[in-house]
Amino acid sequence: MIENEVGITFGNIKLIFPIEGIECKILKLGSKIWKPGKLRIQVILKNASIQTMEFELFYDEPPQPESPLDDIRQREDYQRLLNNQ
């Protein structure tokens, strides 16, 4: 017989599973090649009900730039040149 009750109230709870991701293949729109990657699921609970559910896809290795100019555009000196205009 339980004489006392303890109520616990939680705010938002974020569940991420599995942390390391699930192995999968990712096909980017417009591409013809499937690339190895991982899927991770994030669920946010509020008062024991699901508020949001997100599916995150990420590559095992960084994707190659789509344009040879992408690497140049990311360089610090290029960004400084753009900011000085």
PDB file of N, CA and C in Angstrom:
ATOM      1  N   MET A   1       0.827  -1.177   0.000  1.00  0.00           N
ATOM      2  CA  MET A   1       0.000   0.000   0.000  1.00  0.00           C
ATOM      3  C   MET A   1       0.878   1.249   0.000  1.00  0.00           C
ATOM      4  N   ILE A   2       0.590   2.168  -0.913  1.00  0.00           N
ATOM      5  CA  ILE A   2       1.343   3.407  -1.031  1.00  0.00           C
ATOM      6  C   ILE A   2       0.655   4.490  -0.215  1.00  0.00           C
ATOM      7  N   GLU A   3       1.405   5.082   0.711  1.00  0.00           N
ATOM      8  CA  GLU A   3       0.825   6.126   1.547  1.00  0.00           C
ATOM      9  C   GLU A   3       1.061   7.517   0.989  1.00  0.00           C
ATOM     10  N   ASN A   4       2.184   7.711   0.323  1.00  0.00           N
ATOM     11  CA  ASN A   4       2.519   9.030  -0.207  1.00  0.00           C
ATOM     12  C   ASN A   4       2.769   8.938  -1.703  1.00  0.00           C
ATOM     13  N   GLU A   5       2.413   9.979  -2.412  1.00  0.00           N
ATOM     14  CA  GLU A   5       2.689  10.071  -3.846  1.00  0.00           C
ATOM     15  C   GLU A   5       3.651  11.219  -4.078  1.00  0.00           C
ATOM     16  N   VAL A   6       4.485  11.053  -5.054  1.00  0.00           N
ATOM     17  CA  VAL A   6       5.391  12.126  -5.453  1.00  0.00           C
ATOM     18  C   VAL A   6       5.119  12.403  -6.920  1.00  0.00           C
ATOM     19  N   GLY A   7       4.756  13.620  -7.218  1.00  0.00           N
ATOM     20  CA  GLY A   7       4.514  14.013  -8.608  1.00  0.00           C
ATOM     21  C   GLY A   7       5.757  14.683  -9.176  1.00  0.00           C
ATOM     22  N   ILE A   8       6.154  14.280 -10.348  1.00  0.00           N
ATOM     23  CA  ILE A   8       7.314  14.877 -11.014  1.00  0.00           C
ATOM     24  C   ILE A   8       6.828  15.473 -12.321  1.00  0.00           C
ATOM     25  N   THR A   9       7.129  16.739 -12.524  1.00  0.00           N
ATOM     26  CA  THR A   9       6.742  17.414 -13.758  1.00  0.00           C
ATOM     27  C   THR A   9       8.005  17.704 -14.562  1.00  0.00           C
ATOM     28  N   PHE A  10       7.998  17.286 -15.802  1.00  0.00           N
ATOM     29  CA  PHE A  10       9.124  17.536 -16.696  1.00  0.00           C
ATOM     30  C   PHE A  10       8.716  18.619 -17.682  1.00  0.00           C
ATOM     31  N   GLY A  11       9.680  19.408 -18.095  1.00  0.00           N
ATOM     32  CA  GLY A  11       9.443  20.370 -19.162  1.00  0.00           C
ATOM     33  C   GLY A  11       9.566  19.641 -20.490  1.00  0.00           C
ATOM     34  N   ASN A  12      10.210  20.269 -21.422  1.00  0.00           N
ATOM     35  CA  ASN A  12      10.454  19.621 -22.710  1.00  0.00           C
ATOM     36  C   ASN A  12      11.568  18.592 -22.567  1.00  0.00           C
ATOM     37  N   ILE A  13      11.386  17.446 -23.188  1.00  0.00           N
ATOM     38  CA  ILE A  13      12.398  16.397 -23.206  1.00  0.00           C
ATOM     39  C   ILE A  13      12.760  16.140 -24.654  1.00  0.00           C
ATOM     40  N   LYS A  14      14.052  16.161 -24.946  1.00  0.00           N
ATOM     41  CA  LYS A  14      14.531  15.912 -26.308  1.00  0.00           C
ATOM     42  C   LYS A  14      15.203  14.550 -26.339  1.00  0.00           C
ATOM     43  N   LEU A  15      14.673  13.663 -27.151  1.00  0.00           N
ATOM     44  CA  LEU A  15      15.234  12.326 -27.323  1.00  0.00           C
ATOM     45  C   LEU A  15      15.937  12.266 -28.666  1.00  0.00           C
ATOM     46  N   ILE A  16      17.139  11.775 -28.685  1.00  0.00           N
ATOM     47  CA  ILE A  16      17.888  11.600 -29.932  1.00  0.00           C
ATOM     48  C   ILE A  16      18.313  10.144 -29.984  1.00  0.00           C
ATOM     49  N   PHE A  17      17.860   9.460 -31.027  1.00  0.00           N
ATOM     50  CA  PHE A  17      18.228   8.050 -31.097  1.00  0.00           C
ATOM     51  C   PHE A  17      18.352   7.588 -32.532  1.00  0.00           C
ATOM     52  N   PRO A  18      19.253   6.654 -32.746  1.00  0.00           N
ATOM     53  CA  PRO A  18      20.415   6.431 -31.898  1.00  0.00           C
ATOM     54  C   PRO A  18      21.391   7.591 -32.065  1.00  0.00           C
ATOM     55  N   ILE A  19      22.171   7.856 -31.052  1.00  0.00           N
ATOM     56  CA  ILE A  19      23.112   8.983 -31.078  1.00  0.00           C
ATOM     57  C   ILE A  19      24.067   8.864 -32.268  1.00  0.00           C
ATOM     58  N   GLU A  20      24.567   7.670 -32.510  1.00  0.00           N
ATOM     59  CA  GLU A  20      25.542   7.486 -33.596  1.00  0.00           C
ATOM     60  C   GLU A  20      24.883   7.396 -34.968  1.00  0.00           C
ATOM     61  N   GLY A  21      23.564   7.292 -35.020  1.00  0.00           N
ATOM     62  CA  GLY A  21      22.845   7.227 -36.285  1.00  0.00           C
ATOM     63  C   GLY A  21      22.688   5.810 -36.799  1.00  0.00           C
ATOM     64  N   ILE A  22      21.771   5.633 -37.726  1.00  0.00           N
ATOM     65  CA  ILE A  22      21.500   4.348 -38.360  1.00  0.00           C
ATOM     66  C   ILE A  22      22.100   4.391 -39.763  1.00  0.00           C
ATOM     67  N   GLU A  23      22.870   3.382 -40.114  1.00  0.00           N
ATOM     68  CA  GLU A  23      23.474   3.324 -41.450  1.00  0.00           C
ATOM     69  C   GLU A  23      22.387   3.368 -42.522  1.00  0.00           C
ATOM     70  N   CYS A  24      22.611   4.184 -43.560  1.00  0.00           N
ATOM     71  CA  CYS A  24      21.658   4.254 -44.668  1.00  0.00           C
ATOM     72  C   CYS A  24      22.380   4.772 -45.906  1.00  0.00           C
ATOM     73  N   LYS A  25      21.665   4.916 -46.981  1.00  0.00           N
ATOM     74  CA  LYS A  25      22.187   5.514 -48.215  1.00  0.00           C
ATOM     75  C   LYS A  25      21.354   6.752 -48.492  1.00  0.00           C
ATOM     76  N   ILE A  26      22.014   7.831 -48.945  1.00  0.00           N
ATOM     77  CA  ILE A  26      21.343   9.109 -49.181  1.00  0.00           C
ATOM     78  C   ILE A  26      21.454   9.454 -50.654  1.00  0.00           C
ATOM     79  N   LEU A  27      20.317   9.770 -51.254  1.00  0.00           N
ATOM     80  CA  LEU A  27      20.283  10.208 -52.648  1.00  0.00           C
ATOM     81  C   LEU A  27      19.873  11.671 -52.665  1.00  0.00           C
ATOM     82  N   LYS A  28      20.820  12.527 -53.003  1.00  0.00           N
ATOM     83  CA  LYS A  28      20.548  13.958 -53.054  1.00  0.00           C
ATOM     84  C   LYS A  28      19.730  14.251 -54.312  1.00  0.00           C
ATOM     85  N   LEU A  29      18.780  15.179 -54.189  1.00  0.00           N
ATOM     86  CA  LEU A  29      17.960  15.540 -55.350  1.00  0.00           C
ATOM     87  C   LEU A  29      18.845  15.960 -56.510  1.00  0.00           C
ATOM     88  N   GLY A  30      18.573  15.432 -57.678  1.00  0.00           N
ATOM     89  CA  GLY A  30      19.334  15.757 -58.873  1.00  0.00           C
ATOM     90  C   GLY A  30      20.580  14.908 -59.056  1.00  0.00           C
ATOM     91  N   SER A  31      20.940  14.112 -58.061  1.00  0.00           N
ATOM     92  CA  SER A  31      22.116  13.264 -58.160  1.00  0.00           C
ATOM     93  C   SER A  31      21.699  11.872 -58.634  1.00  0.00           C
ATOM     94  N   LYS A  32      22.643  11.163 -59.219  1.00  0.00           N
ATOM     95  CA  LYS A  32      22.372   9.800 -59.667  1.00  0.00           C
ATOM     96  C   LYS A  32      23.086   8.776 -58.797  1.00  0.00           C
ATOM     97  N   ILE A  33      23.834   9.260 -57.812  1.00  0.00           N
ATOM     98  CA  ILE A  33      24.665   8.371 -57.001  1.00  0.00           C
ATOM     99  C   ILE A  33      24.186   8.390 -55.545  1.00  0.00           C
ATOM    100  N   TRP A  34      23.957   7.190 -54.988  1.00  0.00           N
ATOM    101  CA  TRP A  34      23.632   7.044 -53.577  1.00  0.00           C
ATOM    102  C   TRP A  34      24.919   7.133 -52.788  1.00  0.00           C
ATOM    103  N   LYS A  35      24.921   7.890 -51.700  1.00  0.00           N
ATOM    104  CA  LYS A  35      26.112   8.029 -50.872  1.00  0.00           C
ATOM    105  C   LYS A  35      25.826   7.455 -49.488  1.00  0.00           C
ATOM    106  N   PRO A  36      26.839   6.816 -48.878  1.00  0.00           N
ATOM    107  CA  PRO A  36      26.630   6.274 -47.531  1.00  0.00           C
ATOM    108  C   PRO A  36      26.458   7.411 -46.522  1.00  0.00           C
ATOM    109  N   GLY A  37      25.568   7.189 -45.600  1.00  0.00           N
ATOM    110  CA  GLY A  37      25.317   8.192 -44.574  1.00  0.00           C
ATOM    111  C   GLY A  37      24.630   7.568 -43.381  1.00  0.00           C
ATOM    112  N   LYS A  38      24.051   8.428 -42.558  1.00  0.00           N
ATOM    113  CA  LYS A  38      23.369   7.953 -41.358  1.00  0.00           C
ATOM    114  C   LYS A  38      22.086   8.750 -41.143  1.00  0.00           C
ATOM    115  N   LEU A  39      21.160   8.124 -40.449  1.00  0.00           N
ATOM    116  CA  LEU A  39      19.884   8.729 -40.098  1.00  0.00           C
ATOM    117  C   LEU A  39      19.797   8.776 -38.582  1.00  0.00           C
ATOM    118  N   ARG A  40      19.427   9.944 -38.064  1.00  0.00           N
ATOM    119  CA  ARG A  40      19.229  10.097 -36.630  1.00  0.00           C
ATOM    120  C   ARG A  40      17.836  10.700 -36.438  1.00  0.00           C
ATOM    121  N   ILE A  41      17.112  10.227 -35.446  1.00  0.00           N
ATOM    122  CA  ILE A  41      15.746  10.676 -35.182  1.00  0.00           C
ATOM    123  C   ILE A  41      15.745  11.495 -33.890  1.00  0.00           C
ATOM    124  N   GLN A  42      15.117  12.680 -33.953  1.00  0.00           N
ATOM    125  CA  GLN A  42      14.998  13.532 -32.776  1.00  0.00           C
ATOM    126  C   GLN A  42      13.518  13.736 -32.478  1.00  0.00           C
ATOM    127  N   VAL A  43      13.143  13.506 -31.235  1.00  0.00           N
ATOM    128  CA  VAL A  43      11.752  13.673 -30.814  1.00  0.00           C
ATOM    129  C   VAL A  43      11.742  14.608 -29.608  1.00  0.00           C
ATOM    130  N   ILE A  44      10.873  15.608 -29.634  1.00  0.00           N
ATOM    131  CA  ILE A  44      10.708  16.500 -28.491  1.00  0.00           C
ATOM    132  C   ILE A  44       9.355  16.215 -27.861  1.00  0.00           C
ATOM    133  N   LEU A  45       9.391  15.856 -26.574  1.00  0.00           N
ATOM    134  CA  LEU A  45       8.175  15.555 -25.825  1.00  0.00           C
ATOM    135  C   LEU A  45       7.857  16.720 -24.896  1.00  0.00           C
ATOM    136  N   LYS A  46       6.598  17.037 -24.793  1.00  0.00           N
ATOM    137  CA  LYS A  46       6.143  18.045 -23.846  1.00  0.00           C
ATOM    138  C   LYS A  46       4.916  17.480 -23.161  1.00  0.00           C
ATOM    139  N   ASN A  47       4.987  17.369 -21.835  1.00  0.00           N
ATOM    140  CA  ASN A  47       3.893  16.788 -21.053  1.00  0.00           C
ATOM    141  C   ASN A  47       3.493  15.413 -21.585  1.00  0.00           C
ATOM    142  N   ALA A  48       4.481  14.585 -21.866  1.00  0.00           N
ATOM    143  CA  ALA A  48       4.305  13.198 -22.304  1.00  0.00           C
ATOM    144  C   ALA A  48       3.640  13.054 -23.671  1.00  0.00           C
ATOM    145  N   SER A  49       3.593  14.121 -24.472  1.00  0.00           N
ATOM    146  CA  SER A  49       3.077  13.979 -25.835  1.00  0.00           C
ATOM    147  C   SER A  49       4.116  14.531 -26.808  1.00  0.00           C
ATOM    148  N   ILE A  50       4.132  13.976 -28.000  1.00  0.00           N
ATOM    149  CA  ILE A  50       5.124  14.362 -28.997  1.00  0.00           C
ATOM    150  C   ILE A  50       4.794  15.749 -29.541  1.00  0.00           C
ATOM    151  N   GLN A  51       5.758  16.670 -29.409  1.00  0.00           N
ATOM    152  CA  GLN A  51       5.611  18.011 -29.967  1.00  0.00           C
ATOM    153  C   GLN A  51       6.140  18.049 -31.392  1.00  0.00           C
ATOM    154  N   THR A  52       7.371  17.582 -31.560  1.00  0.00           N
ATOM    155  CA  THR A  52       7.983  17.558 -32.886  1.00  0.00           C
ATOM    156  C   THR A  52       8.798  16.282 -33.048  1.00  0.00           C
ATOM    157  N   MET A  53       8.922  15.871 -34.302  1.00  0.00           N
ATOM    158  CA  MET A  53       9.765  14.730 -34.639  1.00  0.00           C
ATOM    159  C   MET A  53      10.551  15.132 -35.878  1.00  0.00           C
ATOM    160  N   GLU A  54      11.876  15.019 -35.801  1.00  0.00           N
ATOM    161  CA  GLU A  54      12.741  15.396 -36.911  1.00  0.00           C
ATOM    162  C   GLU A  54      13.599  14.209 -37.312  1.00  0.00           C
ATOM    163  N   PHE A  55      13.847  14.117 -38.606  1.00  0.00           N
ATOM    164  CA  PHE A  55      14.735  13.091 -39.132  1.00  0.00           C
ATOM    165  C   PHE A  55      15.946  13.810 -39.703  1.00  0.00           C
ATOM    166  N   GLU A  56      17.131  13.504 -39.186  1.00  0.00           N
ATOM    167  CA  GLU A  56      18.360  14.154 -39.622  1.00  0.00           C
ATOM    168  C   GLU A  56      19.176  13.163 -40.445  1.00  0.00           C
ATOM    169  N   LEU A  57      19.505  13.544 -41.659  1.00  0.00           N
ATOM    170  CA  LEU A  57      20.368  12.733 -42.513  1.00  0.00           C
ATOM    171  C   LEU A  57      21.725  13.414 -42.594  1.00  0.00           C
ATOM    172  N   PHE A  58      22.784  12.654 -42.442  1.00  0.00           N
ATOM    173  CA  PHE A  58      24.112  13.237 -42.579  1.00  0.00           C
ATOM    174  C   PHE A  58      25.038  12.220 -43.233  1.00  0.00           C
ATOM    175  N   TYR A  59      25.999  12.742 -43.981  1.00  0.00           N
ATOM    176  CA  TYR A  59      26.950  11.905 -44.702  1.00  0.00           C
ATOM    177  C   TYR A  59      28.015  11.368 -43.748  1.00  0.00           C
ATOM    178  N   ASP A  60      28.530  10.179 -44.057  1.00  0.00           N
ATOM    179  CA  ASP A  60      29.646   9.629 -43.295  1.00  0.00           C
ATOM    180  C   ASP A  60      30.875  10.520 -43.458  1.00  0.00           C
ATOM    181  N   GLU A  61      31.055  11.062 -44.642  1.00  0.00           N
ATOM    182  CA  GLU A  61      32.161  11.974 -44.913  1.00  0.00           C
ATOM    183  C   GLU A  61      31.560  13.231 -45.541  1.00  0.00           C
ATOM    184  N   PRO A  62      32.212  14.360 -45.409  1.00  0.00           N
ATOM    185  CA  PRO A  62      31.641  15.572 -45.990  1.00  0.00           C
ATOM    186  C   PRO A  62      31.441  15.418 -47.493  1.00  0.00           C
ATOM    187  N   PRO A  63      30.307  15.897 -48.018  1.00  0.00           N
ATOM    188  CA  PRO A  63      30.077  15.793 -49.457  1.00  0.00           C
ATOM    189  C   PRO A  63      31.069  16.650 -50.226  1.00  0.00           C
ATOM    190  N   GLN A  64      31.390  16.206 -51.415  1.00  0.00           N
ATOM    191  CA  GLN A  64      32.286  16.968 -52.269  1.00  0.00           C
ATOM    192  C   GLN A  64      31.580  18.238 -52.731  1.00  0.00           C
ATOM    193  N   PRO A  65      32.313  19.339 -52.890  1.00  0.00           N
ATOM    194  CA  PRO A  65      31.678  20.562 -53.374  1.00  0.00           C
ATOM    195  C   PRO A  65      31.054  20.337 -54.747  1.00  0.00           C
ATOM    196  N   GLU A  66      29.916  20.974 -54.968  1.00  0.00           N
ATOM    197  CA  GLU A  66      29.231  20.802 -56.241  1.00  0.00           C
ATOM    198  C   GLU A  66      29.910  21.592 -57.345  1.00  0.00           C
ATOM    199  N   SER A  67      30.631  22.640 -56.982  1.00  0.00           N
ATOM    200  CA  SER A  67      31.338  23.461 -57.957  1.00  0.00           C
ATOM    201  C   SER A  67      32.770  23.631 -57.477  1.00  0.00           C
ATOM    202  N   PRO A  68      33.722  23.646 -58.386  1.00  0.00           N
ATOM    203  CA  PRO A  68      35.109  23.887 -57.968  1.00  0.00           C
ATOM    204  C   PRO A  68      35.258  25.245 -57.285  1.00  0.00           C
ATOM    205  N   LEU A  69      34.349  26.166 -57.567  1.00  0.00           N
ATOM    206  CA  LEU A  69      34.414  27.498 -56.967  1.00  0.00           C
ATOM    207  C   LEU A  69      33.939  27.511 -55.519  1.00  0.00           C
ATOM    208  N   ASP A  70      33.202  26.483 -55.073  1.00  0.00           N
ATOM    209  CA  ASP A  70      32.700  26.442 -53.701  1.00  0.00           C
ATOM    210  C   ASP A  70      33.838  26.515 -52.687  1.00  0.00           C
ATOM    211  N   ASP A  71      34.940  25.811 -52.960  1.00  0.00           N
ATOM    212  CA  ASP A  71      36.090  25.854 -52.052  1.00  0.00           C
ATOM    213  C   ASP A  71      36.656  27.268 -51.958  1.00  0.00           C
ATOM    214  N   ILE A  72      36.750  27.934 -53.086  1.00  0.00           N
ATOM    215  CA  ILE A  72      37.285  29.299 -53.117  1.00  0.00           C
ATOM    216  C   ILE A  72      36.368  30.242 -52.349  1.00  0.00           C
ATOM    217  N   ARG A  73      35.066  30.081 -52.528  1.00  0.00           N
ATOM    218  CA  ARG A  73      34.102  30.965 -51.869  1.00  0.00           C
ATOM    219  C   ARG A  73      34.127  30.832 -50.354  1.00  0.00           C
ATOM    220  N   GLN A  74      34.590  29.703 -49.837  1.00  0.00           N
ATOM    221  CA  GLN A  74      34.646  29.493 -48.396  1.00  0.00           C
ATOM    222  C   GLN A  74      35.920  30.040 -47.756  1.00  0.00           C
ATOM    223  N   ARG A  75      36.893  30.385 -48.553  1.00  0.00           N
ATOM    224  CA  ARG A  75      38.165  30.863 -48.002  1.00  0.00           C
ATOM    225  C   ARG A  75      38.006  32.227 -47.349  1.00  0.00           C
ATOM    226  N   GLU A  76      38.824  32.444 -46.307  1.00  0.00           N
ATOM    227  CA  GLU A  76      38.770  33.702 -45.561  1.00  0.00           C
ATOM    228  C   GLU A  76      39.095  34.905 -46.435  1.00  0.00           C
ATOM    229  N   ASP A  77      40.128  34.778 -47.265  1.00  0.00           N
ATOM    230  CA  ASP A  77      40.528  35.924 -48.084  1.00  0.00           C
ATOM    231  C   ASP A  77      39.436  36.308 -49.084  1.00  0.00           C
ATOM    232  N   TYR A  78      38.716  35.349 -49.587  1.00  0.00           N
ATOM    233  CA  TYR A  78      37.600  35.643 -50.505  1.00  0.00           C
ATOM    234  C   TYR A  78      36.470  36.348 -49.751  1.00  0.00           C
ATOM    235  N   GLN A  79      36.176  35.879 -48.541  1.00  0.00           N
ATOM    236  CA  GLN A  79      35.130  36.505 -47.730  1.00  0.00           C
ATOM    237  C   GLN A  79      35.514  37.942 -47.381  1.00  0.00           C
ATOM    238  N   ARG A  80      36.783  38.178 -47.045  1.00  0.00           N
ATOM    239  CA  ARG A  80      37.238  39.542 -46.753  1.00  0.00           C
ATOM    240  C   ARG A  80      37.090  40.430 -47.983  1.00  0.00           C
ATOM    241  N   LEU A  81      37.424  39.903 -49.145  1.00  0.00           N
ATOM    242  CA  LEU A  81      37.305  40.661 -50.387  1.00  0.00           C
ATOM    243  C   LEU A  81      35.837  41.048 -50.620  1.00  0.00           C
ATOM    244  N   LEU A  82      34.924  40.148 -50.368  1.00  0.00           N
ATOM    245  CA  LEU A  82      33.498  40.448 -50.536  1.00  0.00           C
ATOM    246  C   LEU A  82      33.030  41.525 -49.550  1.00  0.00           C
ATOM    247  N   ASN A  83      33.511  41.457 -48.321  1.00  0.00           N
ATOM    248  CA  ASN A  83      33.105  42.406 -47.289  1.00  0.00           C
ATOM    249  C   ASN A  83      33.670  43.809 -47.500  1.00  0.00           C
ATOM    250  N   ASN A  84      34.768  43.918 -48.225  1.00  0.00           N
ATOM    251  CA  ASN A  84      35.385  45.230 -48.475  1.00  0.00           C
ATOM    252  C   ASN A  84      34.754  45.981 -49.635  1.00  0.00           C
ATOM    253  N   GLN A  85      33.872  45.367 -50.357  1.00  0.00           N
ATOM    254  CA  GLN A  85      33.251  46.034 -51.501  1.00  0.00           C
ATOM    255  C   GLN A  85      32.305  47.107 -51.059  1.00  0.00           C
TER     256      GLN A  85
END
